[in-house]
Amino acid sequence: MSRKAVTSIVLVVLALFCSSILLAQPPATPEEQAEMMKKYQEMAQPGPEHMKLAELTGNWTYTVKMWMSPAETNPMETEGKGEAKMIIGGRFLQLNNSGSFMGMPFEGMSIIGFDRRGKEYTTVGFDNMGTYWVSAKGTVDTTSGSIVMYGKDEDKAMGFTQEYKFIFDLKSKDNFVFSVVFTDPIMSQGTDNFKIMEINYNRAK
């Protein structure tokens, strides 16, 4: 299917979606409908936040530090490799990791994006340590400059909901740090914030 045909299909779907909204409201003028379509098309395109994520494309090496409790002073450490690429027309960054975790082979994938509608960063992650996925969304912290995304995951097997935040610190084009912090009473072991994991990425030479 040609790009022109795909674009036409997308515009038809958007038109039908807009029409369903407009049916529940006072009729819009042709000019108002055209302006709405223009706004949808604009929001669908990558913006400067996506250009910033695109700077991370390439191959990486990483070091993981993992703490088993808030009082732990000697974290476990391991290493691995990562590959990052932009997907879906430059709208999302896909980061694939491979290495080891507690003596076992590790494979993980994270997809990071920026939702221009709500002006929020988003992420969803998968790995071979489970059959589930985790997600989070958030904004740039004005004090640290890091992207801080919050999420929840209902663990039905264990009978509780874990709450967490992902801190995405883009230090430079050649270095970034990704941290996992638990904030719920169970996983944070009674503290307000327990950083269980920190992954330091450096661009492969």
Protein backbone atom coordinates (compact mmCIF):
# COMPACT_ATOMS: atom_id res chain seq x y z
CA MET A 1 0.00 0.00 0.00
CA SER A 2 1.40 3.40 -0.96
CA ARG A 3 2.11 6.16 1.55
CA LYS A 4 -0.56 8.31 -0.09
CA ALA A 5 -3.15 5.56 0.38
CA VAL A 6 -2.21 5.09 4.04
CA THR A 7 -2.47 8.85 4.61
CA SER A 8 -5.93 8.89 3.02
CA ILE A 9 -7.12 6.06 5.27
CA VAL A 10 -5.81 7.84 8.37
CA LEU A 11 -7.59 11.05 7.39
CA VAL A 12 -10.86 9.17 6.85
CA VAL A 13 -10.56 7.54 10.30
CA LEU A 14 -9.85 10.92 11.89
CA ALA A 15 -12.78 12.44 10.07
CA LEU A 16 -15.13 9.72 11.34
CA PHE A 17 -13.77 10.14 14.86
CA CYS A 18 -14.24 13.87 14.76
CA SER A 19 -17.73 13.45 13.35
CA SER A 20 -18.76 11.14 16.22
CA ILE A 21 -17.67 13.82 18.69
CA LEU A 22 -19.42 16.57 16.83
CA LEU A 23 -22.73 14.66 16.77
CA ALA A 24 -22.94 15.05 20.55
CA GLN A 25 -22.31 18.79 20.32
CA PRO A 26 -23.77 21.72 18.39
CA PRO A 27 -22.92 21.38 14.68
CA ALA A 28 -19.50 22.75 13.79
CA THR A 29 -18.87 24.93 10.81
CA PRO A 30 -16.69 23.63 7.95
CA GLU A 31 -13.99 26.03 9.10
CA GLU A 32 -14.08 24.63 12.64
CA GLN A 33 -13.91 21.06 11.34
CA ALA A 34 -10.95 21.96 9.13
CA GLU A 35 -9.16 23.54 12.10
CA MET A 36 -9.77 20.42 14.20
CA MET A 37 -8.34 18.20 11.48
CA LYS A 38 -5.32 20.48 11.18
CA LYS A 39 -4.70 20.22 14.92
CA TYR A 40 -4.93 16.41 14.89
CA GLN A 41 -2.47 16.23 12.01
CA GLU A 42 -0.05 18.54 13.80
CA MET A 43 -0.18 16.59 17.06
CA ALA A 44 0.51 13.35 15.15
CA GLN A 45 3.94 14.55 14.01
CA PRO A 46 7.17 14.15 16.04
CA GLY A 47 8.24 17.26 17.95
CA PRO A 48 11.44 18.55 19.59
CA GLU A 49 11.10 16.04 22.45
CA HIS A 50 11.27 13.21 19.91
CA MET A 51 14.34 14.79 18.33
CA LYS A 52 15.98 14.71 21.76
CA LEU A 53 15.19 11.02 22.16
CA ALA A 54 16.57 10.37 18.67
CA GLU A 55 19.99 11.54 19.87
CA LEU A 56 20.20 8.28 21.84
CA THR A 57 20.07 6.00 18.81
CA GLY A 58 23.02 3.64 18.54
CA ASN A 59 24.83 0.98 20.57
CA TRP A 60 25.45 1.17 24.29
CA THR A 61 27.19 -0.62 27.14
CA TYR A 62 25.66 -0.42 30.59
CA THR A 63 26.37 -1.16 34.23
CA VAL A 64 23.55 -2.11 36.60
CA LYS A 65 23.56 -1.49 40.35
CA MET A 66 20.83 -3.18 42.38
CA TRP A 67 20.06 -2.73 46.06
CA MET A 68 18.10 -5.40 47.93
CA SER A 69 17.01 -3.05 50.75
CA PRO A 70 17.09 0.69 51.56
CA ALA A 71 19.87 0.03 54.08
CA GLU A 72 22.06 -1.85 51.57
CA THR A 73 25.45 -0.20 51.03
CA ASN A 74 27.02 -2.81 48.76
CA PRO A 75 24.78 -3.19 45.68
CA MET A 76 25.00 -6.07 43.26
CA GLU A 77 26.55 -5.08 39.94
CA THR A 78 26.31 -6.51 36.47
CA GLU A 79 26.95 -5.39 32.90
CA GLY A 80 25.26 -5.64 29.54
CA LYS A 81 24.73 -4.16 26.11
CA GLY A 82 21.96 -2.05 24.66
CA GLU A 83 20.76 -1.00 21.22
CA ALA A 84 18.49 2.01 20.70
CA LYS A 85 16.59 2.99 17.56
CA MET A 86 13.69 5.25 16.63
CA ILE A 87 10.54 3.48 15.42
CA ILE A 88 7.06 4.38 14.08
CA GLY A 89 8.33 7.24 11.97
CA GLY A 90 10.50 8.77 14.68
CA ARG A 91 7.75 8.83 17.30
CA PHE A 92 9.21 6.35 19.80
CA LEU A 93 12.63 5.21 21.01
CA GLN A 94 13.01 1.44 21.31
CA LEU A 95 15.77 0.32 23.68
CA ASN A 96 16.76 -3.36 23.70
CA ASN A 97 18.97 -4.66 26.51
CA SER A 98 20.84 -7.95 26.87
CA GLY A 99 23.09 -9.18 29.64
CA SER A 100 22.75 -11.16 32.85
CA PHE A 101 20.66 -10.79 36.01
CA MET A 102 21.48 -12.72 39.18
CA GLY A 103 23.47 -15.22 37.14
CA MET A 104 20.76 -15.75 34.51
CA PRO A 105 20.53 -14.45 30.92
CA PHE A 106 18.59 -11.20 30.72
CA GLU A 107 16.64 -9.70 27.83
CA GLY A 108 14.54 -6.54 28.07
CA MET A 109 12.90 -3.93 25.89
CA SER A 110 11.65 -0.43 26.69
CA ILE A 111 9.72 1.89 24.39
CA ILE A 112 9.89 5.57 25.28
CA GLY A 113 7.86 8.34 23.70
CA PHE A 114 6.33 11.76 24.19
CA ASP A 115 2.57 12.32 23.98
CA ARG A 116 2.16 15.76 22.44
CA ARG A 117 -1.52 15.88 23.41
CA GLY A 118 -0.89 15.90 27.15
CA LYS A 119 2.77 16.96 26.95
CA GLU A 120 3.89 13.85 28.86
CA TYR A 121 6.69 11.36 28.37
CA THR A 122 5.53 7.73 28.27
CA THR A 123 7.22 4.37 28.56
CA VAL A 124 6.32 0.69 28.49
CA GLY A 125 8.76 -2.07 29.39
CA PHE A 126 9.04 -5.84 28.96
CA ASP A 127 11.67 -8.39 30.01
CA ASN A 128 12.21 -12.12 30.38
CA MET A 129 11.88 -11.95 34.18
CA GLY A 130 8.09 -12.10 33.83
CA THR A 131 5.13 -12.40 31.48
CA TYR A 132 3.79 -8.92 32.22
CA TRP A 133 4.65 -5.37 31.24
CA VAL A 134 4.99 -2.12 33.19
CA SER A 135 4.20 1.41 32.07
CA ALA A 136 4.62 4.94 33.34
CA LYS A 137 4.23 8.54 32.28
CA GLY A 138 5.45 11.90 33.50
CA THR A 139 7.24 15.15 32.79
CA VAL A 140 10.61 16.83 33.17
CA ASP A 141 11.49 17.70 36.76
CA THR A 142 12.25 21.44 36.77
CA THR A 143 14.83 21.07 39.55
CA SER A 144 16.93 18.13 38.32
CA GLY A 145 16.16 18.30 34.60
CA SER A 146 15.46 14.56 34.60
CA ILE A 147 12.38 12.94 33.07
CA VAL A 148 10.37 11.46 35.94
CA MET A 149 7.60 9.00 35.02
CA TYR A 150 5.17 7.47 37.53
CA GLY A 151 3.35 4.14 37.25
CA LYS A 152 1.42 1.40 39.04
CA ASP A 153 1.30 -2.36 38.54
CA GLU A 154 -1.32 -4.62 40.11
CA ASP A 155 0.28 -7.87 41.21
CA LYS A 156 -2.70 -10.21 41.50
CA ALA A 157 -0.50 -13.19 42.33
CA MET A 158 0.97 -11.46 45.40
CA GLY A 159 -2.18 -9.49 46.20
CA PHE A 160 -0.96 -5.90 46.17
CA THR A 161 -0.29 -2.97 43.85
CA GLN A 162 3.26 -1.75 43.50
CA GLU A 163 3.87 1.92 42.80
CA TYR A 164 7.08 3.23 41.29
CA LYS A 165 8.77 5.99 39.38
CA PHE A 166 11.28 5.78 36.55
CA ILE A 167 13.93 8.49 36.45
CA PHE A 168 15.42 9.05 33.01
CA ASP A 169 18.47 11.32 33.29
CA LEU A 170 19.81 12.37 29.88
CA LYS A 171 23.27 13.57 30.86
CA SER A 172 24.64 13.83 27.30
CA LYS A 173 24.43 12.24 23.86
CA ASP A 174 26.91 9.64 25.11
CA ASN A 175 25.63 8.95 28.63
CA PHE A 176 22.27 8.53 30.34
CA VAL A 177 21.07 6.94 33.58
CA PHE A 178 17.82 5.07 34.13
CA SER A 179 16.68 4.47 37.72
CA VAL A 180 13.79 2.50 39.24
CA VAL A 181 12.41 3.83 42.54
CA PHE A 182 9.63 2.12 44.51
CA THR A 183 7.23 4.41 46.37
CA ASP A 184 4.57 2.07 47.84
CA PRO A 185 4.98 0.89 51.46
CA ILE A 186 5.47 -2.79 50.60
CA MET A 187 8.07 -2.56 47.84
CA SER A 188 9.80 0.46 49.39
CA GLN A 189 10.06 -1.50 52.64
CA GLY A 190 8.57 1.24 54.78
CA THR A 191 10.45 4.16 53.24
CA ASP A 192 9.09 6.93 51.03
CA ASN A 193 11.46 6.22 48.14
CA PHE A 194 13.62 3.14 47.63
CA LYS A 195 15.90 3.17 44.60
CA ILE A 196 16.22 -0.50 43.82
CA MET A 197 18.02 -0.20 40.50
CA GLU A 198 20.25 2.20 38.58
CA ILE A 199 21.42 1.54 35.01
CA ASN A 200 24.26 3.68 33.71
CA TYR A 201 24.52 3.70 29.90
CA ASN A 202 27.61 4.77 27.97
CA ARG A 203 27.81 4.92 24.20
CA ALA A 204 29.76 1.98 22.80
CA LYS A 205 33.04 2.90 21.15
